[in-house]
């Protein structure tokens, strides 16, 4: 039963979020928004989502370069990002794609390097969103629930503090010496190797990754802005710059496929911009659908990588037989 608790929790939060989102609106109104959507804006949002995958692959590339890894091509990282995006989009947890990326790139670099850089790639993006979330909260719409604001503020502060502790590493090594076996941050334990990989990237590479994360944040805001235009109620980039980081940080709440929390938040967040609740929910749903469609692009990419690996393995086997 315990192994299903996580899934049950995610499904429960998703159901509660959707109940809050649709409890006071007519679902048919949301459908009508999709029927009259301006598809050119949705196409733009879709293209921005996929552009962000290439950008984030470059962020990962910078971190691997910081560790001196030269044998993994940037094009390979782009492939893995698209493949990982599929698993992120369709697995209950949003981190399934990260596991795929670790497993795949660990065939070319040490496992601790793969794990450390994938983690740091994800974490540098979160750090920028934590900063943006804290900056946005004082300017949140008037109808935004105080309880949500407090929860987001706590997550952002804890995330930034935890990030500083992790990147510095000294406090973890100082206080973690009592931990048993593989959890000990000293020696050749898995945790020690992971910390060495994270901190071994160097501040130059980490700074570059943070810079890329800032650019990614602007692209993230842009595809939400484009989606509001698509739904017939254009909201300015400046306003979305305030609310989208809150959406992004709130997605850390465990849900089933990222569904539920954005839809529940959309009404309060966009109300101050004059947007009605059905349109706000339609915007959140449209973004979620576009993310899932982007994930589907990872299917042929992942299949191609599997076919190519099989061919390489067969060629090596034939060479060995000769």
C-alpha atoms as a PDB file:
ATOM      1  CA  UNK A   1       0.000   0.000   0.000  1.00  0.00           C
ATOM      2  CA  UNK A   2       2.837   2.370   0.879  1.00  0.00           C
ATOM      3  CA  UNK A   3       4.234   2.316  -2.650  1.00  0.00           C
ATOM      4  CA  UNK A   4       0.922   3.632  -3.964  1.00  0.00           C
ATOM      5  CA  UNK A   5       0.626   6.491  -1.460  1.00  0.00           C
ATOM      6  CA  UNK A   6       2.572   8.901  -3.660  1.00  0.00           C
ATOM      7  CA  UNK A   7       0.345   8.218  -6.655  1.00  0.00           C
ATOM      8  CA  UNK A   8      -2.786   8.478  -4.512  1.00  0.00           C
ATOM      9  CA  UNK A   9      -1.579  11.828  -3.145  1.00  0.00           C
ATOM     10  CA  UNK A  10      -0.893  13.182  -6.644  1.00  0.00           C
ATOM     11  CA  UNK A  11      -4.266  12.075  -7.960  1.00  0.00           C
ATOM     12  CA  UNK A  12      -6.009  13.551  -4.900  1.00  0.00           C
ATOM     13  CA  UNK A  13      -4.336  16.942  -5.308  1.00  0.00           C
ATOM     14  CA  UNK A  14      -5.155  16.922  -9.017  1.00  0.00           C
ATOM     15  CA  UNK A  15      -8.827  16.146  -8.334  1.00  0.00           C
ATOM     16  CA  UNK A  16      -9.042  18.845  -5.646  1.00  0.00           C
ATOM     17  CA  UNK A  17      -7.376  21.383  -7.949  1.00  0.00           C
ATOM     18  CA  UNK A  18      -9.741  20.625 -10.825  1.00  0.00           C
ATOM     19  CA  UNK A  19     -12.725  20.768  -8.451  1.00  0.00           C
ATOM     20  CA  UNK A  20     -11.629  24.223  -7.308  1.00  0.00           C
ATOM     21  CA  UNK A  21     -11.056  25.333 -10.902  1.00  0.00           C
ATOM     22  CA  UNK A  22     -14.390  24.102 -12.289  1.00  0.00           C
ATOM     23  CA  UNK A  23     -16.535  24.401  -9.183  1.00  0.00           C
ATOM     24  CA  UNK A  24     -17.876  27.856 -10.025  1.00  0.00           C
ATOM     25  CA  UNK A  25     -17.765  27.848 -13.832  1.00  0.00           C
ATOM     26  CA  UNK A  26     -19.544  26.106 -16.671  1.00  0.00           C
ATOM     27  CA  UNK A  27     -17.258  23.611 -18.415  1.00  0.00           C
ATOM     28  CA  UNK A  28     -18.979  24.371 -21.713  1.00  0.00           C
ATOM     29  CA  UNK A  29     -17.671  27.936 -21.511  1.00  0.00           C
ATOM     30  CA  UNK A  30     -14.134  26.585 -21.335  1.00  0.00           C
ATOM     31  CA  UNK A  31     -14.784  24.380 -24.379  1.00  0.00           C
ATOM     32  CA  UNK A  32     -16.113  27.429 -26.239  1.00  0.00           C
ATOM     33  CA  UNK A  33     -12.811  29.213 -25.598  1.00  0.00           C
ATOM     34  CA  UNK A  34     -10.971  26.403 -27.361  1.00  0.00           C
ATOM     35  CA  UNK A  35     -13.457  26.462 -30.228  1.00  0.00           C
ATOM     36  CA  UNK A  36     -12.718  30.138 -30.877  1.00  0.00           C
ATOM     37  CA  UNK A  37      -8.988  30.000 -30.087  1.00  0.00           C
ATOM     38  CA  UNK A  38      -6.532  31.766 -32.395  1.00  0.00           C
ATOM     39  CA  UNK A  39      -4.394  28.834 -33.434  1.00  0.00           C
ATOM     40  CA  UNK A  40      -1.490  30.922 -34.721  1.00  0.00           C
ATOM     41  CA  UNK A  41      -0.825  32.066 -31.142  1.00  0.00           C
ATOM     42  CA  UNK A  42      -1.039  28.494 -29.893  1.00  0.00           C
ATOM     43  CA  UNK A  43       1.437  27.472 -32.579  1.00  0.00           C
ATOM     44  CA  UNK A  44       3.790  30.216 -31.403  1.00  0.00           C
ATOM     45  CA  UNK A  45       3.476  29.004 -27.805  1.00  0.00           C
ATOM     46  CA  UNK A  46       4.161  25.430 -28.956  1.00  0.00           C
ATOM     47  CA  UNK A  47       7.289  26.522 -30.818  1.00  0.00           C
ATOM     48  CA  UNK A  48       8.540  28.441 -27.769  1.00  0.00           C
ATOM     49  CA  UNK A  49       8.068  25.361 -25.574  1.00  0.00           C
ATOM     50  CA  UNK A  50      10.208  23.290 -27.929  1.00  0.00           C
ATOM     51  CA  UNK A  51      12.787  26.058 -28.275  1.00  0.00           C
ATOM     52  CA  UNK A  52      13.103  26.001 -24.500  1.00  0.00           C
ATOM     53  CA  UNK A  53      14.079  22.312 -24.637  1.00  0.00           C
ATOM     54  CA  UNK A  54      17.018  23.137 -26.899  1.00  0.00           C
ATOM     55  CA  UNK A  55      17.984  25.982 -24.586  1.00  0.00           C
ATOM     56  CA  UNK A  56      17.831  23.757 -21.518  1.00  0.00           C
ATOM     57  CA  UNK A  57      19.924  21.129 -23.306  1.00  0.00           C
ATOM     58  CA  UNK A  58      22.548  23.847 -23.770  1.00  0.00           C
ATOM     59  CA  UNK A  59      22.377  24.560 -20.028  1.00  0.00           C
ATOM     60  CA  UNK A  60      23.118  20.889 -19.370  1.00  0.00           C
ATOM     61  CA  UNK A  61      25.938  21.072 -21.926  1.00  0.00           C
ATOM     62  CA  UNK A  62      27.538  23.950 -20.002  1.00  0.00           C
ATOM     63  CA  UNK A  63      27.486  21.948 -16.763  1.00  0.00           C
ATOM     64  CA  UNK A  64      29.047  18.895 -18.396  1.00  0.00           C
ATOM     65  CA  UNK A  65      31.692  21.150 -19.937  1.00  0.00           C
ATOM     66  CA  UNK A  66      32.407  22.514 -16.461  1.00  0.00           C
ATOM     67  CA  UNK A  67      33.309  18.965 -15.390  1.00  0.00           C
ATOM     68  CA  UNK A  68      35.557  18.538 -18.397  1.00  0.00           C
ATOM     69  CA  UNK A  69      33.211  16.234 -20.313  1.00  0.00           C
ATOM     70  CA  UNK A  70      33.921  16.608 -24.019  1.00  0.00           C
ATOM     71  CA  UNK A  71      32.716  13.292 -25.457  1.00  0.00           C
ATOM     72  CA  UNK A  72      28.970  14.034 -25.287  1.00  0.00           C
ATOM     73  CA  UNK A  73      27.757  16.097 -28.233  1.00  0.00           C
ATOM     74  CA  UNK A  74      25.274  18.927 -27.780  1.00  0.00           C
ATOM     75  CA  UNK A  75      23.001  17.268 -30.359  1.00  0.00           C
ATOM     76  CA  UNK A  76      22.922  14.149 -28.174  1.00  0.00           C
ATOM     77  CA  UNK A  77      21.810  16.240 -25.181  1.00  0.00           C
ATOM     78  CA  UNK A  78      19.045  17.808 -27.278  1.00  0.00           C
ATOM     79  CA  UNK A  79      17.823  14.325 -28.195  1.00  0.00           C
ATOM     80  CA  UNK A  80      17.815  13.273 -24.551  1.00  0.00           C
ATOM     81  CA  UNK A  81      15.972  16.412 -23.517  1.00  0.00           C
ATOM     82  CA  UNK A  82      13.193  15.746 -26.026  1.00  0.00           C
ATOM     83  CA  UNK A  83      13.037  12.091 -24.979  1.00  0.00           C
ATOM     84  CA  UNK A  84      12.973  13.063 -21.302  1.00  0.00           C
ATOM     85  CA  UNK A  85      10.238  15.577 -22.017  1.00  0.00           C
ATOM     86  CA  UNK A  86       8.005  12.738 -23.172  1.00  0.00           C
ATOM     87  CA  UNK A  87       8.405  10.906 -19.872  1.00  0.00           C
ATOM     88  CA  UNK A  88       7.911  14.135 -17.916  1.00  0.00           C
ATOM     89  CA  UNK A  89       4.681  14.797 -19.789  1.00  0.00           C
ATOM     90  CA  UNK A  90       3.111  11.373 -19.439  1.00  0.00           C
ATOM     91  CA  UNK A  91       4.404   9.884 -16.194  1.00  0.00           C
ATOM     92  CA  UNK A  92       2.636  10.761 -12.913  1.00  0.00           C
ATOM     93  CA  UNK A  93       5.811  12.415 -11.622  1.00  0.00           C
ATOM     94  CA  UNK A  94       7.374  15.343 -13.468  1.00  0.00           C
ATOM     95  CA  UNK A  95      10.852  14.002 -12.771  1.00  0.00           C
ATOM     96  CA  UNK A  96      10.617  10.758 -14.770  1.00  0.00           C
ATOM     97  CA  UNK A  97      12.384  12.359 -17.718  1.00  0.00           C
ATOM     98  CA  UNK A  98      15.331  13.262 -15.504  1.00  0.00           C
ATOM     99  CA  UNK A  99      15.817   9.581 -14.663  1.00  0.00           C
ATOM    100  CA  UNK A 100      15.801   8.749 -18.371  1.00  0.00           C
ATOM    101  CA  UNK A 101      18.419  11.420 -19.035  1.00  0.00           C
ATOM    102  CA  UNK A 102      20.625  10.100 -16.222  1.00  0.00           C
ATOM    103  CA  UNK A 103      20.376   6.494 -17.435  1.00  0.00           C
ATOM    104  CA  UNK A 104      21.099   7.405 -21.053  1.00  0.00           C
ATOM    105  CA  UNK A 105      24.001   9.792 -20.547  1.00  0.00           C
ATOM    106  CA  UNK A 106      25.509   7.504 -17.858  1.00  0.00           C
ATOM    107  CA  UNK A 107      26.414   5.191 -20.740  1.00  0.00           C
ATOM    108  CA  UNK A 108      28.919   7.828 -21.850  1.00  0.00           C
ATOM    109  CA  UNK A 109      30.022   9.466 -18.576  1.00  0.00           C
ATOM    110  CA  UNK A 110      30.353   8.254 -14.950  1.00  0.00           C
ATOM    111  CA  UNK A 111      27.014   7.789 -13.191  1.00  0.00           C
ATOM    112  CA  UNK A 112      27.802  10.399 -10.529  1.00  0.00           C
ATOM    113  CA  UNK A 113      28.585  12.941 -13.253  1.00  0.00           C
ATOM    114  CA  UNK A 114      25.331  12.121 -15.055  1.00  0.00           C
ATOM    115  CA  UNK A 115      23.278  12.353 -11.856  1.00  0.00           C
ATOM    116  CA  UNK A 116      24.968  15.510 -10.593  1.00  0.00           C
ATOM    117  CA  UNK A 117      24.668  17.469 -13.841  1.00  0.00           C
ATOM    118  CA  UNK A 118      21.056  16.435 -14.489  1.00  0.00           C
ATOM    119  CA  UNK A 119      20.153  17.454 -10.948  1.00  0.00           C
ATOM    120  CA  UNK A 120      22.041  20.750 -11.231  1.00  0.00           C
ATOM    121  CA  UNK A 121      20.510  21.437 -14.628  1.00  0.00           C
ATOM    122  CA  UNK A 122      17.032  21.125 -13.133  1.00  0.00           C
ATOM    123  CA  UNK A 123      17.983  22.924  -9.920  1.00  0.00           C
ATOM    124  CA  UNK A 124      19.507  26.022 -11.526  1.00  0.00           C
ATOM    125  CA  UNK A 125      16.231  26.508 -13.368  1.00  0.00           C
ATOM    126  CA  UNK A 126      14.317  26.192 -10.103  1.00  0.00           C
ATOM    127  CA  UNK A 127      16.608  28.681  -8.353  1.00  0.00           C
ATOM    128  CA  UNK A 128      15.790  31.379 -10.881  1.00  0.00           C
ATOM    129  CA  UNK A 129      12.069  30.617 -10.569  1.00  0.00           C
ATOM    130  CA  UNK A 130      12.359  30.808  -6.772  1.00  0.00           C
ATOM    131  CA  UNK A 131      13.886  34.269  -7.108  1.00  0.00           C
ATOM    132  CA  UNK A 132      11.243  35.371  -9.612  1.00  0.00           C
ATOM    133  CA  UNK A 133       8.497  33.913  -7.416  1.00  0.00           C
ATOM    134  CA  UNK A 134       9.647  35.898  -4.381  1.00  0.00           C
ATOM    135  CA  UNK A 135       9.931  39.065  -6.444  1.00  0.00           C
ATOM    136  CA  UNK A 136       6.452  38.529  -7.890  1.00  0.00           C
ATOM    137  CA  UNK A 137       4.592  37.762  -4.647  1.00  0.00           C
ATOM    138  CA  UNK A 138       4.455  41.372  -3.338  1.00  0.00           C
ATOM    139  CA  UNK A 139       2.785  42.373  -6.631  1.00  0.00           C
ATOM    140  CA  UNK A 140       0.377  39.412  -6.789  1.00  0.00           C
ATOM    141  CA  UNK A 141      -3.258  40.103  -7.715  1.00  0.00           C
ATOM    142  CA  UNK A 142      -5.522  41.231  -4.885  1.00  0.00           C
ATOM    143  CA  UNK A 143      -7.707  38.139  -5.064  1.00  0.00           C
ATOM    144  CA  UNK A 144      -4.801  35.740  -4.742  1.00  0.00           C
ATOM    145  CA  UNK A 145      -5.283  33.576  -1.592  1.00  0.00           C
ATOM    146  CA  UNK A 146      -2.936  34.490   1.258  1.00  0.00           C
ATOM    147  CA  UNK A 147      -2.482  30.813   2.137  1.00  0.00           C
ATOM    148  CA  UNK A 148      -1.166  30.098  -1.371  1.00  0.00           C
ATOM    149  CA  UNK A 149       1.139  33.112  -1.177  1.00  0.00           C
ATOM    150  CA  UNK A 150       2.546  31.985   2.165  1.00  0.00           C
ATOM    151  CA  UNK A 151       3.118  28.447   0.901  1.00  0.00           C
ATOM    152  CA  UNK A 152       4.887  29.668  -2.232  1.00  0.00           C
ATOM    153  CA  UNK A 153       7.044  32.061  -0.196  1.00  0.00           C
ATOM    154  CA  UNK A 154       8.107  29.250   2.154  1.00  0.00           C
ATOM    155  CA  UNK A 155       8.977  26.953  -0.775  1.00  0.00           C
ATOM    156  CA  UNK A 156      10.989  29.696  -2.495  1.00  0.00           C
ATOM    157  CA  UNK A 157      12.941  30.649   0.628  1.00  0.00           C
ATOM    158  CA  UNK A 158      13.678  27.029   1.564  1.00  0.00           C
ATOM    159  CA  UNK A 159      14.653  26.298  -2.030  1.00  0.00           C
ATOM    160  CA  UNK A 160      17.104  29.186  -2.196  1.00  0.00           C
ATOM    161  CA  UNK A 161      18.620  28.380   1.191  1.00  0.00           C
ATOM    162  CA  UNK A 162      18.897  24.707   0.278  1.00  0.00           C
ATOM    163  CA  UNK A 163      20.443  25.624  -3.053  1.00  0.00           C
ATOM    164  CA  UNK A 164      23.089  27.763  -1.402  1.00  0.00           C
ATOM    165  CA  UNK A 165      23.929  24.998   1.074  1.00  0.00           C
ATOM    166  CA  UNK A 166      24.164  22.404  -1.690  1.00  0.00           C
ATOM    167  CA  UNK A 167      26.285  24.484  -4.037  1.00  0.00           C
ATOM    168  CA  UNK A 168      28.679  25.464  -1.253  1.00  0.00           C
ATOM    169  CA  UNK A 169      28.813  21.951   0.179  1.00  0.00           C
ATOM    170  CA  UNK A 170      30.793  22.725   3.339  1.00  0.00           C
ATOM    171  CA  UNK A 171      27.834  22.596   5.727  1.00  0.00           C
ATOM    172  CA  UNK A 172      26.665  19.265   4.288  1.00  0.00           C
ATOM    173  CA  UNK A 173      30.112  17.748   4.774  1.00  0.00           C
ATOM    174  CA  UNK A 174      30.419  19.242   8.245  1.00  0.00           C
ATOM    175  CA  UNK A 175      27.076  17.980   9.522  1.00  0.00           C
ATOM    176  CA  UNK A 176      26.710  14.827   7.454  1.00  0.00           C
ATOM    177  CA  UNK A 177      29.666  12.893   8.787  1.00  0.00           C
ATOM    178  CA  UNK A 178      27.474  10.891  11.177  1.00  0.00           C
ATOM    179  CA  UNK A 179      25.284   9.507   8.413  1.00  0.00           C
ATOM    180  CA  UNK A 180      25.697   5.784   7.738  1.00  0.00           C
ATOM    181  CA  UNK A 181      27.241   4.109   4.696  1.00  0.00           C
ATOM    182  CA  UNK A 182      26.222   5.461   1.278  1.00  0.00           C
ATOM    183  CA  UNK A 183      24.609   8.578   2.790  1.00  0.00           C
ATOM    184  CA  UNK A 184      27.875   9.820   4.241  1.00  0.00           C
ATOM    185  CA  UNK A 185      29.166  12.844   2.260  1.00  0.00           C
ATOM    186  CA  UNK A 186      32.827  11.793   2.686  1.00  0.00           C
ATOM    187  CA  UNK A 187      35.008   9.278   0.915  1.00  0.00           C
ATOM    188  CA  UNK A 188      33.824   7.311  -2.108  1.00  0.00           C
ATOM    189  CA  UNK A 189      30.165   6.971  -1.147  1.00  0.00           C
ATOM    190  CA  UNK A 190      27.420   7.697  -3.738  1.00  0.00           C
ATOM    191  CA  UNK A 191      26.451  10.893  -1.893  1.00  0.00           C
ATOM    192  CA  UNK A 192      30.061  12.073  -1.785  1.00  0.00           C
ATOM    193  CA  UNK A 193      30.487  11.415  -5.509  1.00  0.00           C
ATOM    194  CA  UNK A 194      27.222  13.219  -6.230  1.00  0.00           C
ATOM    195  CA  UNK A 195      28.335  16.273  -4.227  1.00  0.00           C
ATOM    196  CA  UNK A 196      31.718  16.256  -5.952  1.00  0.00           C
ATOM    197  CA  UNK A 197      30.003  16.237  -9.359  1.00  0.00           C
ATOM    198  CA  UNK A 198      27.617  19.054  -8.388  1.00  0.00           C
ATOM    199  CA  UNK A 199      30.319  21.254  -6.909  1.00  0.00           C
ATOM    200  CA  UNK A 200      32.957  20.207  -9.434  1.00  0.00           C
ATOM    201  CA  UNK A 201      31.126  21.978 -12.247  1.00  0.00           C
ATOM    202  CA  UNK A 202      32.666  25.229 -11.016  1.00  0.00           C
ATOM    203  CA  UNK A 203      31.076  28.620 -10.505  1.00  0.00           C
ATOM    204  CA  UNK A 204      31.710  29.667 -14.102  1.00  0.00           C
ATOM    205  CA  UNK A 205      29.610  26.798 -15.455  1.00  0.00           C
ATOM    206  CA  UNK A 206      26.977  27.272 -12.752  1.00  0.00           C
ATOM    207  CA  UNK A 207      26.845  30.996 -13.513  1.00  0.00           C
ATOM    208  CA  UNK A 208      26.368  30.194 -17.190  1.00  0.00           C
ATOM    209  CA  UNK A 209      23.597  27.738 -16.323  1.00  0.00           C
ATOM    210  CA  UNK A 210      21.873  30.366 -14.195  1.00  0.00           C
ATOM    211  CA  UNK A 211      22.132  32.833 -17.073  1.00  0.00           C
ATOM    212  CA  UNK A 212      20.533  30.335 -19.429  1.00  0.00           C
ATOM    213  CA  UNK A 213      17.830  29.766 -16.804  1.00  0.00           C
ATOM    214  CA  UNK A 214      17.014  33.485 -16.831  1.00  0.00           C
ATOM    215  CA  UNK A 215      16.566  33.326 -20.599  1.00  0.00           C
ATOM    216  CA  UNK A 216      14.424  30.212 -20.202  1.00  0.00           C
ATOM    217  CA  UNK A 217      12.242  32.059 -17.673  1.00  0.00           C
ATOM    218  CA  UNK A 218      11.578  34.790 -20.243  1.00  0.00           C
ATOM    219  CA  UNK A 219      10.618  32.153 -22.833  1.00  0.00           C
ATOM    220  CA  UNK A 220       8.347  30.515 -20.248  1.00  0.00           C
ATOM    221  CA  UNK A 221       6.560  33.813 -19.641  1.00  0.00           C
ATOM    222  CA  UNK A 222       6.347  34.337 -23.404  1.00  0.00           C
ATOM    223  CA  UNK A 223       4.476  31.104 -24.099  1.00  0.00           C
ATOM    224  CA  UNK A 224       1.962  31.857 -21.365  1.00  0.00           C
ATOM    225  CA  UNK A 225       1.517  35.339 -22.842  1.00  0.00           C
ATOM    226  CA  UNK A 226       0.989  33.889 -26.314  1.00  0.00           C
ATOM    227  CA  UNK A 227      -1.611  31.496 -24.905  1.00  0.00           C
ATOM    228  CA  UNK A 228      -3.617  34.351 -23.370  1.00  0.00           C
ATOM    229  CA  UNK A 229      -3.653  35.979 -26.808  1.00  0.00           C
ATOM    230  CA  UNK A 230      -4.817  32.680 -28.307  1.00  0.00           C
ATOM    231  CA  UNK A 231      -7.761  32.539 -25.915  1.00  0.00           C
ATOM    232  CA  UNK A 232      -8.931  35.997 -26.936  1.00  0.00           C
ATOM    233  CA  UNK A 233      -7.958  37.875 -23.795  1.00  0.00           C
ATOM    234  CA  UNK A 234      -4.419  39.172 -24.292  1.00  0.00           C
ATOM    235  CA  UNK A 235      -2.532  39.775 -21.055  1.00  0.00           C
ATOM    236  CA  UNK A 236       0.652  41.830 -21.206  1.00  0.00           C
ATOM    237  CA  UNK A 237       4.084  40.265 -20.900  1.00  0.00           C
ATOM    238  CA  UNK A 238       4.728  42.438 -17.847  1.00  0.00           C
ATOM    239  CA  UNK A 239       1.674  41.064 -16.021  1.00  0.00           C
ATOM    240  CA  UNK A 240       2.538  37.494 -16.967  1.00  0.00           C
ATOM    241  CA  UNK A 241       6.058  38.131 -15.727  1.00  0.00           C
ATOM    242  CA  UNK A 242       4.495  38.594 -12.280  1.00  0.00           C
ATOM    243  CA  UNK A 243       2.162  35.595 -12.252  1.00  0.00           C
ATOM    244  CA  UNK A 244       3.871  32.890 -14.334  1.00  0.00           C
ATOM    245  CA  UNK A 245       6.693  32.316 -11.802  1.00  0.00           C
ATOM    246  CA  UNK A 246       3.965  31.668  -9.232  1.00  0.00           C
ATOM    247  CA  UNK A 247       2.447  29.070 -11.577  1.00  0.00           C
ATOM    248  CA  UNK A 248       5.878  27.505 -12.056  1.00  0.00           C
ATOM    249  CA  UNK A 249       6.743  27.318  -8.358  1.00  0.00           C
ATOM    250  CA  UNK A 250       3.276  25.971  -7.513  1.00  0.00           C
ATOM    251  CA  UNK A 251       3.922  23.099  -9.938  1.00  0.00           C
ATOM    252  CA  UNK A 252       6.344  21.711  -7.360  1.00  0.00           C
ATOM    253  CA  UNK A 253       3.219  20.536  -5.546  1.00  0.00           C
ATOM    254  CA  UNK A 254       2.931  16.806  -6.387  1.00  0.00           C
ATOM    255  CA  UNK A 255       0.122  16.331  -8.904  1.00  0.00           C
ATOM    256  CA  UNK A 256      -0.748  13.820 -11.604  1.00  0.00           C
ATOM    257  CA  UNK A 257       1.053  15.077 -14.694  1.00  0.00           C
ATOM    258  CA  UNK A 258       1.101  18.696 -13.496  1.00  0.00           C
ATOM    259  CA  UNK A 259      -2.675  18.978 -13.830  1.00  0.00           C
ATOM    260  CA  UNK A 260      -4.909  20.635 -11.248  1.00  0.00           C
ATOM    261  CA  UNK A 261      -2.830  23.279  -9.474  1.00  0.00           C
ATOM    262  CA  UNK A 262      -2.336  25.625 -12.490  1.00  0.00           C
ATOM    263  CA  UNK A 263      -6.045  25.436 -13.312  1.00  0.00           C
ATOM    264  CA  UNK A 264      -6.984  26.204  -9.694  1.00  0.00           C
ATOM    265  CA  UNK A 265      -4.602  29.174  -9.579  1.00  0.00           C
ATOM    266  CA  UNK A 266      -5.510  30.596 -12.988  1.00  0.00           C
ATOM    267  CA  UNK A 267      -8.723  32.298 -11.878  1.00  0.00           C
ATOM    268  CA  UNK A 268      -7.238  34.202  -8.883  1.00  0.00           C
ATOM    269  CA  UNK A 269      -4.026  35.055 -10.727  1.00  0.00           C
ATOM    270  CA  UNK A 270      -5.649  36.444 -13.864  1.00  0.00           C
ATOM    271  CA  UNK A 271      -8.658  38.053 -12.170  1.00  0.00           C
ATOM    272  CA  UNK A 272      -6.744  41.269 -11.497  1.00  0.00           C
ATOM    273  CA  UNK A 273      -6.031  41.485 -15.230  1.00  0.00           C
ATOM    274  CA  UNK A 274      -9.782  41.476 -15.824  1.00  0.00           C
ATOM    275  CA  UNK A 275      -9.883  37.950 -17.216  1.00  0.00           C
ATOM    276  CA  UNK A 276     -12.994  35.902 -16.473  1.00  0.00           C
ATOM    277  CA  UNK A 277     -12.602  32.527 -14.760  1.00  0.00           C
ATOM    278  CA  UNK A 278     -13.525  30.310 -17.761  1.00  0.00           C
ATOM    279  CA  UNK A 279     -10.919  32.026 -19.929  1.00  0.00           C
ATOM    280  CA  UNK A 280      -8.284  31.759 -17.199  1.00  0.00           C
ATOM    281  CA  UNK A 281      -8.906  28.028 -16.781  1.00  0.00           C
ATOM    282  CA  UNK A 282      -8.834  27.615 -20.575  1.00  0.00           C
ATOM    283  CA  UNK A 283      -5.418  29.317 -20.678  1.00  0.00           C
ATOM    284  CA  UNK A 284      -4.016  26.953 -18.027  1.00  0.00           C
ATOM    285  CA  UNK A 285      -5.495  23.920 -19.776  1.00  0.00           C
ATOM    286  CA  UNK A 286      -4.155  25.059 -23.140  1.00  0.00           C
ATOM    287  CA  UNK A 287      -0.634  25.396 -21.739  1.00  0.00           C
ATOM    288  CA  UNK A 288      -0.924  21.924 -20.227  1.00  0.00           C
ATOM    289  CA  UNK A 289      -2.116  20.454 -23.522  1.00  0.00           C
ATOM    290  CA  UNK A 290       0.703  22.145 -25.441  1.00  0.00           C
ATOM    291  CA  UNK A 291       3.233  20.707 -22.993  1.00  0.00           C
ATOM    292  CA  UNK A 292       1.787  17.232 -23.577  1.00  0.00           C
ATOM    293  CA  UNK A 293       1.899  17.690 -27.354  1.00  0.00           C
ATOM    294  CA  UNK A 294       5.509  18.784 -27.080  1.00  0.00           C
ATOM    295  CA  UNK A 295       6.166  15.634 -25.064  1.00  0.00           C
ATOM    296  CA  UNK A 296       4.883  13.535 -27.960  1.00  0.00           C
ATOM    297  CA  UNK A 297       7.740  14.830 -30.100  1.00  0.00           C
ATOM    298  CA  UNK A 298      10.032  12.894 -27.806  1.00  0.00           C
ATOM    299  CA  UNK A 299       8.592   9.555 -28.982  1.00  0.00           C
ATOM    300  CA  UNK A 300      10.189   9.467 -32.461  1.00  0.00           C
ATOM    301  CA  UNK A 301      13.362  11.021 -31.056  1.00  0.00           C
ATOM    302  CA  UNK A 302      13.681   8.326 -28.383  1.00  0.00           C
ATOM    303  CA  UNK A 303      12.839   5.559 -30.873  1.00  0.00           C
ATOM    304  CA  UNK A 304      15.516   6.866 -33.219  1.00  0.00           C
ATOM    305  CA  UNK A 305      18.122   6.886 -30.443  1.00  0.00           C
ATOM    306  CA  UNK A 306      17.218   3.265 -29.558  1.00  0.00           C
ATOM    307  CA  UNK A 307      17.494   2.169 -33.201  1.00  0.00           C
ATOM    308  CA  UNK A 308      20.821   3.953 -33.581  1.00  0.00           C
ATOM    309  CA  UNK A 309      22.211   2.384 -30.399  1.00  0.00           C
ATOM    310  CA  UNK A 310      21.143  -1.047 -31.597  1.00  0.00           C
ATOM    311  CA  UNK A 311      22.867  -0.514 -34.929  1.00  0.00           C
ATOM    312  CA  UNK A 312      26.072   0.629 -33.223  1.00  0.00           C
ATOM    313  CA  UNK A 313      25.978  -2.418 -30.925  1.00  0.00           C
ATOM    314  CA  UNK A 314      25.480  -4.743 -33.917  1.00  0.00           C
ATOM    315  CA  UNK A 315      28.364  -3.111 -35.802  1.00  0.00           C
ATOM    316  CA  UNK A 316      30.649  -3.521 -32.792  1.00  0.00           C
ATOM    317  CA  UNK A 317      29.620  -7.165 -32.422  1.00  0.00           C
ATOM    318  CA  UNK A 318      30.410  -7.797 -36.101  1.00  0.00           C
ATOM    319  CA  UNK A 319      33.778  -6.064 -35.759  1.00  0.00           C
ATOM    320  CA  UNK A 320      34.649  -8.225 -32.740  1.00  0.00           C
ATOM    321  CA  UNK A 321      33.731 -11.394 -34.635  1.00  0.00           C
ATOM    322  CA  UNK A 322      36.167 -10.453 -37.379  1.00  0.00           C
END
